[in-house]
Amino acid sequence: MFPYKDDNPTELTPIVTVGIIAANALAWLFVQGMGSAEPLVRSVCDLGLVPGELLQTAKPGSGVELAPGLFCLVDAVPHYSTLVTSMFMHGGWLHLIGNMVFLWVFGNNIEDVMGHGRFVVFYLLCGVAAAGAQMLVGPNSVVPMVGASGAISGVLGAYLLLYPRVRVHTLLFLGFYVTTVALPAYVMLGYWALLQLLGGLVNLSGVDRGGTAFFAHIGGFVAGFILIRFFASEDALRRRPQPPSGYYRYRTYG
């Protein structure tokens, strides 16, 4: 299921959400060379988070080949700034676009209930919590972690707590057919969370092989579910009644 909109209007202009999307897009264009091999590998290596390097559990000079003939080696000095810079790096076009669509659909509502400044702090904290969760299960990993999905997972966790019954419109791709379905947020996000948990359990013995950082998603999701209680404005929540209960609606194109 791939969400493309929700039935949850906002009062504030989501300038931070738009700004984060713009920052990710600009980083992809001008830092990562739109996916060209050398700038992509260089950006992932230099600005991605390497657990074994940050925790100093991996041997300096060890590393991983990210592309034919292009290696990322562990530095002897930990680079703590990668806790933040890694949130703005991506591994490909689909990685970037998928993350930004999720942020656009759900981020504006979370920014709306906490304000611009608080949302910046909330987003970054969820990203750091996501990185911490992934490092916890793979402290010796020399594979760089990149992507906004950990921080965005925090946004999803917050959304689930605040708006479990809001309708989320999603795309379903079934062979040659494209189906739209409007689901309550707890169904759509619960399904997403289940996939992350199952993916994490399957990959638990291979956290150093790269691929999707499922535990980062789980860690960010849990962090957002908890932190929203401290960041959401009670006044904003009182002024914004819960939208109508979700229901199922299908439309098929073929």
C-alpha atoms as a PDB file:
ATOM      1  CA  MET A   1       0.000   0.000   0.000  1.00  0.00           C
ATOM      2  CA  PHE A   2       1.306   3.404  -0.998  1.00  0.00           C
ATOM      3  CA  PRO A   3      -0.434   6.482   0.496  1.00  0.00           C
ATOM      4  CA  TYR A   4      -0.995   9.588  -1.589  1.00  0.00           C
ATOM      5  CA  LYS A   5      -3.325  11.747   0.544  1.00  0.00           C
ATOM      6  CA  ASP A   6      -5.401  11.788   3.722  1.00  0.00           C
ATOM      7  CA  ASP A   7      -8.686  13.373   4.786  1.00  0.00           C
ATOM      8  CA  ASN A   8      -7.153  15.497   7.521  1.00  0.00           C
ATOM      9  CA  PRO A   9      -7.043  19.266   6.810  1.00  0.00           C
ATOM     10  CA  THR A  10      -4.505  21.503   8.535  1.00  0.00           C
ATOM     11  CA  GLU A  11      -4.535  25.062   9.846  1.00  0.00           C
ATOM     12  CA  LEU A  12      -0.831  25.903   9.693  1.00  0.00           C
ATOM     13  CA  THR A  13       1.102  26.166   6.453  1.00  0.00           C
ATOM     14  CA  PRO A  14       3.543  23.203   6.640  1.00  0.00           C
ATOM     15  CA  ILE A  15       6.668  25.241   5.949  1.00  0.00           C
ATOM     16  CA  VAL A  16       8.970  22.860   7.850  1.00  0.00           C
ATOM     17  CA  THR A  17       7.594  19.784   6.093  1.00  0.00           C
ATOM     18  CA  VAL A  18       8.076  21.485   2.728  1.00  0.00           C
ATOM     19  CA  GLY A  19      11.523  22.679   3.827  1.00  0.00           C
ATOM     20  CA  ILE A  20      12.635  19.165   4.777  1.00  0.00           C
ATOM     21  CA  ILE A  21      11.400  17.828   1.446  1.00  0.00           C
ATOM     22  CA  ALA A  22      13.272  20.609  -0.364  1.00  0.00           C
ATOM     23  CA  ALA A  23      16.455  19.944   1.635  1.00  0.00           C
ATOM     24  CA  ASN A  24      16.352  16.258   0.728  1.00  0.00           C
ATOM     25  CA  ALA A  25      15.733  17.043  -2.937  1.00  0.00           C
ATOM     26  CA  LEU A  26      18.573  19.579  -3.056  1.00  0.00           C
ATOM     27  CA  ALA A  27      20.934  17.140  -1.351  1.00  0.00           C
ATOM     28  CA  TRP A  28      20.055  14.501  -3.938  1.00  0.00           C
ATOM     29  CA  LEU A  29      20.604  16.913  -6.811  1.00  0.00           C
ATOM     30  CA  PHE A  30      23.750  18.736  -5.731  1.00  0.00           C
ATOM     31  CA  VAL A  31      25.466  16.467  -3.197  1.00  0.00           C
ATOM     32  CA  GLN A  32      24.570  13.022  -4.485  1.00  0.00           C
ATOM     33  CA  GLY A  33      24.728  13.840  -8.187  1.00  0.00           C
ATOM     34  CA  MET A  34      21.210  12.507  -8.830  1.00  0.00           C
ATOM     35  CA  GLY A  35      22.480   8.971  -8.289  1.00  0.00           C
ATOM     36  CA  SER A  36      25.646   9.055 -10.385  1.00  0.00           C
ATOM     37  CA  ALA A  37      27.991   6.359  -9.093  1.00  0.00           C
ATOM     38  CA  GLU A  38      30.916   8.366  -7.714  1.00  0.00           C
ATOM     39  CA  PRO A  39      29.053  11.258  -6.028  1.00  0.00           C
ATOM     40  CA  LEU A  40      26.448   8.819  -4.695  1.00  0.00           C
ATOM     41  CA  VAL A  41      29.051   6.545  -3.109  1.00  0.00           C
ATOM     42  CA  ARG A  42      31.057   9.506  -1.821  1.00  0.00           C
ATOM     43  CA  SER A  43      28.016  11.108  -0.202  1.00  0.00           C
ATOM     44  CA  VAL A  44      26.804   7.849   1.343  1.00  0.00           C
ATOM     45  CA  CYS A  45      30.281   7.108   2.684  1.00  0.00           C
ATOM     46  CA  ASP A  46      31.079  10.602   3.984  1.00  0.00           C
ATOM     47  CA  LEU A  47      27.632  11.685   5.191  1.00  0.00           C
ATOM     48  CA  GLY A  48      25.986   8.349   5.972  1.00  0.00           C
ATOM     49  CA  LEU A  49      26.053   6.883   9.456  1.00  0.00           C
ATOM     50  CA  VAL A  50      28.393   3.907   9.892  1.00  0.00           C
ATOM     51  CA  PRO A  51      27.561   2.169  13.212  1.00  0.00           C
ATOM     52  CA  GLY A  52      30.974   0.542  13.613  1.00  0.00           C
ATOM     53  CA  GLU A  53      32.685   3.874  13.022  1.00  0.00           C
ATOM     54  CA  LEU A  54      30.440   5.936  15.274  1.00  0.00           C
ATOM     55  CA  LEU A  55      30.642   3.401  18.119  1.00  0.00           C
ATOM     56  CA  GLN A  56      34.316   2.622  17.411  1.00  0.00           C
ATOM     57  CA  THR A  57      33.558  -1.090  17.294  1.00  0.00           C
ATOM     58  CA  ALA A  58      34.870  -1.655  13.752  1.00  0.00           C
ATOM     59  CA  LYS A  59      38.524  -1.754  12.807  1.00  0.00           C
ATOM     60  CA  PRO A  60      39.737   1.445  11.076  1.00  0.00           C
ATOM     61  CA  GLY A  61      40.372   0.747   7.422  1.00  0.00           C
ATOM     62  CA  SER A  62      37.765  -2.008   7.218  1.00  0.00           C
ATOM     63  CA  GLY A  63      34.797  -1.309   5.032  1.00  0.00           C
ATOM     64  CA  VAL A  64      32.426  -2.343   2.305  1.00  0.00           C
ATOM     65  CA  GLU A  65      32.292  -2.081  -1.489  1.00  0.00           C
ATOM     66  CA  LEU A  66      29.271   0.063  -2.349  1.00  0.00           C
ATOM     67  CA  ALA A  67      29.778  -0.101  -6.120  1.00  0.00           C
ATOM     68  CA  PRO A  68      32.267  -1.875  -8.380  1.00  0.00           C
ATOM     69  CA  GLY A  69      35.667  -0.500  -7.405  1.00  0.00           C
ATOM     70  CA  LEU A  70      34.199   2.067  -4.991  1.00  0.00           C
ATOM     71  CA  PHE A  71      34.734   1.332  -1.301  1.00  0.00           C
ATOM     72  CA  CYS A  72      33.659   2.987   1.941  1.00  0.00           C
ATOM     73  CA  LEU A  73      36.277   2.575   4.671  1.00  0.00           C
ATOM     74  CA  VAL A  74      35.888   3.050   8.412  1.00  0.00           C
ATOM     75  CA  ASP A  75      37.602   6.151   9.772  1.00  0.00           C
ATOM     76  CA  ALA A  76      39.567   6.079  13.033  1.00  0.00           C
ATOM     77  CA  VAL A  77      37.610   9.123  14.262  1.00  0.00           C
ATOM     78  CA  PRO A  78      33.828   8.951  14.801  1.00  0.00           C
ATOM     79  CA  HIS A  79      31.813  11.547  12.895  1.00  0.00           C
ATOM     80  CA  TYR A  80      28.842  12.364  15.112  1.00  0.00           C
ATOM     81  CA  SER A  81      27.453  14.840  12.590  1.00  0.00           C
ATOM     82  CA  THR A  82      26.358  11.852  10.500  1.00  0.00           C
ATOM     83  CA  LEU A  83      23.520  11.309  12.966  1.00  0.00           C
ATOM     84  CA  VAL A  84      21.902  14.273  11.197  1.00  0.00           C
ATOM     85  CA  THR A  85      23.459  14.313   7.722  1.00  0.00           C
ATOM     86  CA  SER A  86      22.477  10.680   7.117  1.00  0.00           C
ATOM     87  CA  MET A  87      18.807  11.718   7.328  1.00  0.00           C
ATOM     88  CA  PHE A  88      19.201  13.783   4.162  1.00  0.00           C
ATOM     89  CA  MET A  89      21.043  11.210   2.037  1.00  0.00           C
ATOM     90  CA  HIS A  90      19.346   8.527  -0.059  1.00  0.00           C
ATOM     91  CA  GLY A  91      20.352   5.472  -2.023  1.00  0.00           C
ATOM     92  CA  GLY A  92      18.267   6.028  -5.151  1.00  0.00           C
ATOM     93  CA  TRP A  93      15.390   7.843  -6.808  1.00  0.00           C
ATOM     94  CA  LEU A  94      12.707   5.481  -5.499  1.00  0.00           C
ATOM     95  CA  HIS A  95      14.171   5.679  -1.993  1.00  0.00           C
ATOM     96  CA  LEU A  96      13.952   9.465  -2.077  1.00  0.00           C
ATOM     97  CA  ILE A  97      10.534   9.782  -3.716  1.00  0.00           C
ATOM     98  CA  GLY A  98       8.919   7.156  -1.494  1.00  0.00           C
ATOM     99  CA  ASN A  99      10.181   8.818   1.670  1.00  0.00           C
ATOM    100  CA  MET A 100       9.127  12.292   0.574  1.00  0.00           C
ATOM    101  CA  VAL A 101       5.608  11.186  -0.340  1.00  0.00           C
ATOM    102  CA  PHE A 102       5.153   9.632   3.105  1.00  0.00           C
ATOM    103  CA  LEU A 103       6.478  12.806   4.727  1.00  0.00           C
ATOM    104  CA  TRP A 104       4.143  14.996   2.692  1.00  0.00           C
ATOM    105  CA  VAL A 105       1.034  12.918   3.443  1.00  0.00           C
ATOM    106  CA  PHE A 106       1.589  12.626   7.197  1.00  0.00           C
ATOM    107  CA  GLY A 107       4.080  15.323   8.177  1.00  0.00           C
ATOM    108  CA  ASN A 108       1.848  18.350   7.646  1.00  0.00           C
ATOM    109  CA  ASN A 109      -0.642  17.161  10.280  1.00  0.00           C
ATOM    110  CA  ILE A 110       2.051  16.504  12.868  1.00  0.00           C
ATOM    111  CA  GLU A 111       3.637  19.894  12.219  1.00  0.00           C
ATOM    112  CA  ASP A 112       0.155  21.388  12.547  1.00  0.00           C
ATOM    113  CA  VAL A 113      -0.355  20.156  16.123  1.00  0.00           C
ATOM    114  CA  MET A 114       3.071  21.141  17.472  1.00  0.00           C
ATOM    115  CA  GLY A 115       4.149  24.173  15.486  1.00  0.00           C
ATOM    116  CA  HIS A 116       7.139  24.701  13.244  1.00  0.00           C
ATOM    117  CA  GLY A 117       9.960  24.864  15.798  1.00  0.00           C
ATOM    118  CA  ARG A 118       8.843  21.876  17.822  1.00  0.00           C
ATOM    119  CA  PHE A 119       8.376  19.846  14.677  1.00  0.00           C
ATOM    120  CA  VAL A 120      12.015  20.391  13.670  1.00  0.00           C
ATOM    121  CA  VAL A 121      13.191  19.109  17.054  1.00  0.00           C
ATOM    122  CA  PHE A 122      10.699  16.223  17.021  1.00  0.00           C
ATOM    123  CA  TYR A 123      11.756  15.137  13.521  1.00  0.00           C
ATOM    124  CA  LEU A 124      15.462  15.168  14.342  1.00  0.00           C
ATOM    125  CA  LEU A 125      14.969  13.331  17.646  1.00  0.00           C
ATOM    126  CA  CYS A 126      12.999  10.601  15.899  1.00  0.00           C
ATOM    127  CA  GLY A 127      15.777  10.282  13.341  1.00  0.00           C
ATOM    128  CA  VAL A 128      18.412   9.942  16.049  1.00  0.00           C
ATOM    129  CA  ALA A 129      16.267   7.383  17.901  1.00  0.00           C
ATOM    130  CA  ALA A 130      15.893   5.419  14.664  1.00  0.00           C
ATOM    131  CA  ALA A 131      19.656   5.380  14.139  1.00  0.00           C
ATOM    132  CA  GLY A 132      20.162   4.279  17.741  1.00  0.00           C
ATOM    133  CA  ALA A 133      17.772   1.355  17.312  1.00  0.00           C
ATOM    134  CA  GLN A 134      19.580   0.159  14.205  1.00  0.00           C
ATOM    135  CA  MET A 135      22.980   0.524  15.880  1.00  0.00           C
ATOM    136  CA  LEU A 136      21.702  -1.468  18.826  1.00  0.00           C
ATOM    137  CA  VAL A 137      21.111  -4.544  16.661  1.00  0.00           C
ATOM    138  CA  GLY A 138      24.150  -3.994  14.445  1.00  0.00           C
ATOM    139  CA  PRO A 139      26.838  -2.171  16.467  1.00  0.00           C
ATOM    140  CA  ASN A 140      29.698  -3.580  14.386  1.00  0.00           C
ATOM    141  CA  SER A 141      28.199  -2.829  10.989  1.00  0.00           C
ATOM    142  CA  VAL A 142      30.411  -1.070   8.440  1.00  0.00           C
ATOM    143  CA  VAL A 143      27.519  -0.467   6.030  1.00  0.00           C
ATOM    144  CA  PRO A 144      26.501   3.226   5.909  1.00  0.00           C
ATOM    145  CA  MET A 145      22.940   4.044   6.933  1.00  0.00           C
ATOM    146  CA  VAL A 146      21.164   6.711   4.880  1.00  0.00           C
ATOM    147  CA  GLY A 147      17.625   7.934   4.399  1.00  0.00           C
ATOM    148  CA  ALA A 148      14.889   9.995   5.982  1.00  0.00           C
ATOM    149  CA  SER A 149      12.721   6.955   6.688  1.00  0.00           C
ATOM    150  CA  GLY A 150      13.748   6.643  10.339  1.00  0.00           C
ATOM    151  CA  ALA A 151      12.673  10.200  11.139  1.00  0.00           C
ATOM    152  CA  ILE A 152       9.560   9.830   8.980  1.00  0.00           C
ATOM    153  CA  SER A 153       8.701   6.644  10.878  1.00  0.00           C
ATOM    154  CA  GLY A 154       8.496   8.845  13.964  1.00  0.00           C
ATOM    155  CA  VAL A 155       5.965  11.012  12.139  1.00  0.00           C
ATOM    156  CA  LEU A 156       3.945   7.872  11.349  1.00  0.00           C
ATOM    157  CA  GLY A 157       3.994   6.777  14.977  1.00  0.00           C
ATOM    158  CA  ALA A 158       2.746  10.179  16.077  1.00  0.00           C
ATOM    159  CA  TYR A 159       0.029  10.169  13.419  1.00  0.00           C
ATOM    160  CA  LEU A 160      -1.197   6.749  14.496  1.00  0.00           C
ATOM    161  CA  LEU A 161      -1.610   7.925  18.084  1.00  0.00           C
ATOM    162  CA  LEU A 162      -3.362  11.187  17.198  1.00  0.00           C
ATOM    163  CA  TYR A 163      -5.463  10.213  14.179  1.00  0.00           C
ATOM    164  CA  PRO A 164      -6.053   6.452  14.144  1.00  0.00           C
ATOM    165  CA  ARG A 165      -9.409   6.708  12.358  1.00  0.00           C
ATOM    166  CA  VAL A 166      -8.610   9.321   9.726  1.00  0.00           C
ATOM    167  CA  ARG A 167      -9.025   8.011   6.177  1.00  0.00           C
ATOM    168  CA  VAL A 168      -5.767   7.544   4.274  1.00  0.00           C
ATOM    169  CA  HIS A 169      -6.052   7.099   0.507  1.00  0.00           C
ATOM    170  CA  THR A 170      -3.601   4.530  -0.819  1.00  0.00           C
ATOM    171  CA  LEU A 171      -2.647   2.971  -4.138  1.00  0.00           C
ATOM    172  CA  LEU A 172      -2.671  -0.798  -4.588  1.00  0.00           C
ATOM    173  CA  PHE A 173      -0.883  -2.284  -7.588  1.00  0.00           C
ATOM    174  CA  LEU A 174      -2.403  -5.636  -8.559  1.00  0.00           C
ATOM    175  CA  GLY A 175      -0.812  -6.841 -11.754  1.00  0.00           C
ATOM    176  CA  PHE A 176      -2.163  -4.657 -14.576  1.00  0.00           C
ATOM    177  CA  TYR A 177      -4.735  -3.075 -12.300  1.00  0.00           C
ATOM    178  CA  VAL A 178      -4.287  -0.032 -10.104  1.00  0.00           C
ATOM    179  CA  THR A 179      -6.713   0.152  -7.206  1.00  0.00           C
ATOM    180  CA  THR A 180      -7.294   2.971  -4.769  1.00  0.00           C
ATOM    181  CA  VAL A 181      -8.561   2.278  -1.296  1.00  0.00           C
ATOM    182  CA  ALA A 182      -9.357   4.634   1.572  1.00  0.00           C
ATOM    183  CA  LEU A 183      -8.454   3.025   4.885  1.00  0.00           C
ATOM    184  CA  PRO A 184      -8.447   4.168   8.498  1.00  0.00           C
ATOM    185  CA  ALA A 185      -4.947   5.217   9.480  1.00  0.00           C
ATOM    186  CA  TYR A 186      -4.703   2.439  12.054  1.00  0.00           C
ATOM    187  CA  VAL A 187      -5.169  -0.152   9.296  1.00  0.00           C
ATOM    188  CA  MET A 188      -2.706   1.388   6.858  1.00  0.00           C
ATOM    189  CA  LEU A 189      -0.047   2.267   9.443  1.00  0.00           C
ATOM    190  CA  GLY A 190      -0.596  -0.936  11.404  1.00  0.00           C
ATOM    191  CA  TYR A 191       0.049  -2.919   8.227  1.00  0.00           C
ATOM    192  CA  TRP A 192       3.171  -0.847   7.558  1.00  0.00           C
ATOM    193  CA  ALA A 193       4.450  -1.396  11.120  1.00  0.00           C
ATOM    194  CA  LEU A 194       3.831  -5.147  10.846  1.00  0.00           C
ATOM    195  CA  LEU A 195       5.889  -5.294   7.646  1.00  0.00           C
ATOM    196  CA  GLN A 196       8.780  -3.508   9.378  1.00  0.00           C
ATOM    197  CA  LEU A 197       8.663  -5.910  12.319  1.00  0.00           C
ATOM    198  CA  LEU A 198       8.576  -8.992  10.099  1.00  0.00           C
ATOM    199  CA  GLY A 199      11.345  -7.606   7.903  1.00  0.00           C
ATOM    200  CA  GLY A 200      13.458  -6.869  10.956  1.00  0.00           C
ATOM    201  CA  LEU A 201      13.017 -10.369  12.341  1.00  0.00           C
ATOM    202  CA  VAL A 202      13.903 -11.947   8.999  1.00  0.00           C
ATOM    203  CA  ASN A 203      17.039  -9.820   8.652  1.00  0.00           C
ATOM    204  CA  LEU A 204      18.081 -10.003  12.298  1.00  0.00           C
ATOM    205  CA  SER A 205      20.956 -12.349  11.545  1.00  0.00           C
ATOM    206  CA  GLY A 206      22.164 -10.264   8.607  1.00  0.00           C
ATOM    207  CA  VAL A 207      22.131  -6.643   9.814  1.00  0.00           C
ATOM    208  CA  ASP A 208      25.600  -6.077   8.347  1.00  0.00           C
ATOM    209  CA  ARG A 209      24.602  -6.953   4.782  1.00  0.00           C
ATOM    210  CA  GLY A 210      22.915  -3.676   3.984  1.00  0.00           C
ATOM    211  CA  GLY A 211      19.447  -3.244   2.524  1.00  0.00           C
ATOM    212  CA  THR A 212      16.469  -1.849   4.417  1.00  0.00           C
ATOM    213  CA  ALA A 213      17.171  -0.751   8.001  1.00  0.00           C
ATOM    214  CA  PHE A 214      13.978  -2.201   9.446  1.00  0.00           C
ATOM    215  CA  PHE A 215      14.977  -1.623  13.058  1.00  0.00           C
ATOM    216  CA  ALA A 216      15.567   2.052  12.311  1.00  0.00           C
ATOM    217  CA  HIS A 217      11.960   2.216  11.128  1.00  0.00           C
ATOM    218  CA  ILE A 218      10.757   0.438  14.258  1.00  0.00           C
ATOM    219  CA  GLY A 219      12.852   2.639  16.543  1.00  0.00           C
ATOM    220  CA  GLY A 220      11.673   5.842  14.873  1.00  0.00           C
ATOM    221  CA  PHE A 221       8.052   4.705  14.956  1.00  0.00           C
ATOM    222  CA  VAL A 222       8.170   3.938  18.677  1.00  0.00           C
ATOM    223  CA  ALA A 223       9.977   7.213  19.393  1.00  0.00           C
ATOM    224  CA  GLY A 224       7.342   9.221  17.542  1.00  0.00           C
ATOM    225  CA  PHE A 225       4.512   7.364  19.289  1.00  0.00           C
ATOM    226  CA  ILE A 226       6.036   8.319  22.661  1.00  0.00           C
ATOM    227  CA  LEU A 227       7.398  11.794  21.954  1.00  0.00           C
ATOM    228  CA  ILE A 228       4.212  13.192  20.428  1.00  0.00           C
ATOM    229  CA  ARG A 229       2.727  13.331  23.929  1.00  0.00           C
ATOM    230  CA  PHE A 230       5.372  15.892  24.893  1.00  0.00           C
ATOM    231  CA  PHE A 231       5.413  17.905  21.666  1.00  0.00           C
ATOM    232  CA  ALA A 232       1.775  18.226  20.626  1.00  0.00           C
ATOM    233  CA  SER A 233      -0.006  21.435  21.584  1.00  0.00           C
ATOM    234  CA  GLU A 234      -3.007  20.719  23.792  1.00  0.00           C
ATOM    235  CA  ASP A 235      -4.671  23.872  22.499  1.00  0.00           C
ATOM    236  CA  ALA A 236      -4.273  22.769  18.897  1.00  0.00           C
ATOM    237  CA  LEU A 237      -5.672  19.341  19.699  1.00  0.00           C
ATOM    238  CA  ARG A 238      -8.707  20.826  21.449  1.00  0.00           C
ATOM    239  CA  ARG A 239      -9.433  23.134  18.513  1.00  0.00           C
ATOM    240  CA  ARG A 240      -9.193  20.365  15.946  1.00  0.00           C
ATOM    241  CA  PRO A 241     -11.858  17.662  16.459  1.00  0.00           C
ATOM    242  CA  GLN A 242     -11.199  14.145  15.240  1.00  0.00           C
ATOM    243  CA  PRO A 243     -12.252  13.748  11.584  1.00  0.00           C
ATOM    244  CA  PRO A 244     -14.978  11.189  10.777  1.00  0.00           C
ATOM    245  CA  SER A 245     -14.293   7.515  11.205  1.00  0.00           C
ATOM    246  CA  GLY A 246     -12.511   5.789   8.347  1.00  0.00           C
ATOM    247  CA  TYR A 247     -14.239   3.525   5.909  1.00  0.00           C
ATOM    248  CA  TYR A 248     -13.259   1.449   2.905  1.00  0.00           C
ATOM    249  CA  ARG A 249     -13.677   2.790  -0.579  1.00  0.00           C
ATOM    250  CA  TYR A 250     -12.379   1.194  -3.760  1.00  0.00           C
ATOM    251  CA  ARG A 251     -11.865   2.394  -7.288  1.00  0.00           C
ATOM    252  CA  THR A 252     -10.205   0.207  -9.888  1.00  0.00           C
ATOM    253  CA  TYR A 253      -8.549   1.100 -13.136  1.00  0.00           C
ATOM    254  CA  GLY A 254      -7.698  -1.515 -15.666  1.00  0.00           C
END
